[in-house]
Amino acid sequence: MMRNDPIKARDANIYWRYSHTNRVYDVRVRDRYDLCESRVTSSGSFWTGWKHARATSPEALFGEMLFRFGFTTLEEARIALLQFAKIDNCQWARDMLEARTYGRVA
């Protein structure tokens, strides 16, 4: 379910886990840094280079998850898209989910 108030990309903190085969799963996006979080975390809003330095954006992070590591299952990839879709400038994630839902292909 989509949030009514999207998370600003500058405030997004993205968390995930690696499987024993180094695949990504359990992706979560939050609007604040959680000191108690046990997942791996992105630079997120607590690092001044987030969204400014090369390859430090939600889009780049998703691409790295997908192409460098891969997801444990297709369902975990879908969950990751749902999580990234919470971020205001991640229309690409919402578009991908919509295309999958309605079976649209170019």
Protein backbone atom coordinates (compact mmCIF):
# COMPACT_ATOMS: atom_id res chain seq x y z
CA MET A 1 0.00 0.00 0.00
CA MET A 2 1.39 3.39 -0.98
CA ARG A 3 1.93 6.10 1.58
CA ASN A 4 -0.02 9.32 1.21
CA ASP A 5 3.07 11.29 2.14
CA PRO A 6 6.08 10.11 0.11
CA ILE A 7 9.49 10.07 1.72
CA LYS A 8 11.78 12.77 0.38
CA ALA A 9 14.79 11.20 -1.34
CA ARG A 10 17.10 13.35 0.77
CA ASP A 11 15.55 11.79 3.91
CA ALA A 12 15.36 8.19 2.67
CA ASN A 13 17.21 5.53 4.62
CA ILE A 14 17.25 2.21 2.82
CA TYR A 15 17.88 -1.03 4.71
CA TRP A 16 18.41 -4.57 3.47
CA ARG A 17 19.96 -7.95 4.27
CA TYR A 18 22.31 -10.22 2.35
CA SER A 19 21.64 -13.94 2.12
CA HIS A 20 24.39 -16.54 2.60
CA THR A 21 24.89 -16.35 -1.20
CA ASN A 22 25.18 -12.51 -1.06
CA ARG A 23 21.76 -11.95 -2.63
CA VAL A 24 19.58 -9.07 -1.40
CA TYR A 25 16.37 -9.53 0.56
CA ASP A 26 14.24 -7.85 3.24
CA VAL A 27 14.50 -4.32 1.79
CA ARG A 28 12.88 -1.53 3.82
CA VAL A 29 12.74 2.23 3.26
CA ARG A 30 12.25 4.60 6.18
CA ASP A 31 12.24 8.36 6.58
CA ARG A 32 14.76 8.36 9.42
CA TYR A 33 17.93 6.61 10.48
CA ASP A 34 17.38 3.85 13.02
CA LEU A 35 20.33 3.20 15.34
CA CYS A 36 18.81 -0.12 16.41
CA GLU A 37 18.40 -1.42 12.86
CA SER A 38 20.26 -4.68 12.25
CA ARG A 39 20.03 -4.58 8.44
CA VAL A 40 22.70 -3.12 6.15
CA THR A 41 21.89 0.54 5.47
CA SER A 42 22.41 3.05 2.69
CA SER A 43 24.17 6.32 3.30
CA GLY A 44 20.77 7.91 3.44
CA SER A 45 19.99 11.25 4.94
CA PHE A 46 22.73 11.07 7.58
CA TRP A 47 25.49 11.38 4.95
CA THR A 48 25.96 14.78 3.27
CA GLY A 49 26.90 13.24 -0.09
CA TRP A 50 23.59 11.39 -0.47
CA LYS A 51 21.90 12.51 -3.69
CA HIS A 52 24.93 14.71 -4.52
CA ALA A 53 27.89 12.41 -5.14
CA ARG A 54 27.94 10.15 -8.18
CA ALA A 55 25.96 6.91 -7.77
CA THR A 56 24.52 7.87 -4.39
CA SER A 57 20.82 7.91 -5.13
CA PRO A 58 17.94 5.49 -4.63
CA GLU A 59 18.06 4.65 -8.34
CA ALA A 60 21.76 3.80 -8.22
CA LEU A 61 21.32 1.72 -5.07
CA PHE A 62 18.47 -0.30 -6.58
CA GLY A 63 20.54 -0.86 -9.70
CA GLU A 64 23.44 -2.11 -7.61
CA MET A 65 21.15 -4.43 -5.68
CA LEU A 66 19.71 -5.79 -8.91
CA PHE A 67 22.78 -6.11 -11.11
CA ARG A 68 25.67 -6.54 -8.69
CA PHE A 69 24.02 -8.81 -6.12
CA GLY A 70 20.58 -9.85 -7.35
CA PHE A 71 17.59 -10.63 -5.15
CA THR A 72 16.96 -13.95 -3.43
CA THR A 73 13.59 -14.33 -5.20
CA LEU A 74 11.35 -12.45 -7.61
CA GLU A 75 9.05 -11.73 -4.67
CA GLU A 76 11.93 -10.02 -2.83
CA ALA A 77 12.55 -7.90 -5.94
CA ARG A 78 8.87 -6.93 -5.96
CA ILE A 79 9.01 -6.05 -2.26
CA ALA A 80 12.09 -3.92 -2.92
CA LEU A 81 10.22 -2.05 -5.67
CA LEU A 82 7.29 -1.49 -3.30
CA GLN A 83 9.69 -0.06 -0.74
CA PHE A 84 11.53 2.19 -3.24
CA ALA A 85 8.13 3.37 -4.52
CA LYS A 86 7.65 5.11 -1.15
CA ILE A 87 10.34 7.64 -2.14
CA ASP A 88 9.04 10.81 -3.81
CA ASN A 89 11.33 10.84 -6.86
CA CYS A 90 11.18 7.08 -7.50
CA GLN A 91 8.40 7.23 -10.06
CA TRP A 92 10.39 4.61 -11.98
CA ALA A 93 9.63 2.08 -9.20
CA ARG A 94 5.93 2.92 -9.28
CA ASP A 95 5.95 2.62 -13.08
CA MET A 96 7.62 -0.78 -12.90
CA LEU A 97 5.05 -2.02 -10.41
CA GLU A 98 2.19 -0.71 -12.54
CA ALA A 99 3.58 -2.35 -15.68
CA ARG A 100 3.90 -5.68 -13.87
CA THR A 101 0.38 -5.40 -12.44
CA TYR A 102 -1.25 -4.64 -15.76
CA GLY A 103 1.02 -6.75 -17.93
CA ARG A 104 2.19 -3.83 -20.05
CA VAL A 105 5.30 -4.28 -22.14
CA ALA A 106 6.81 -2.04 -24.76
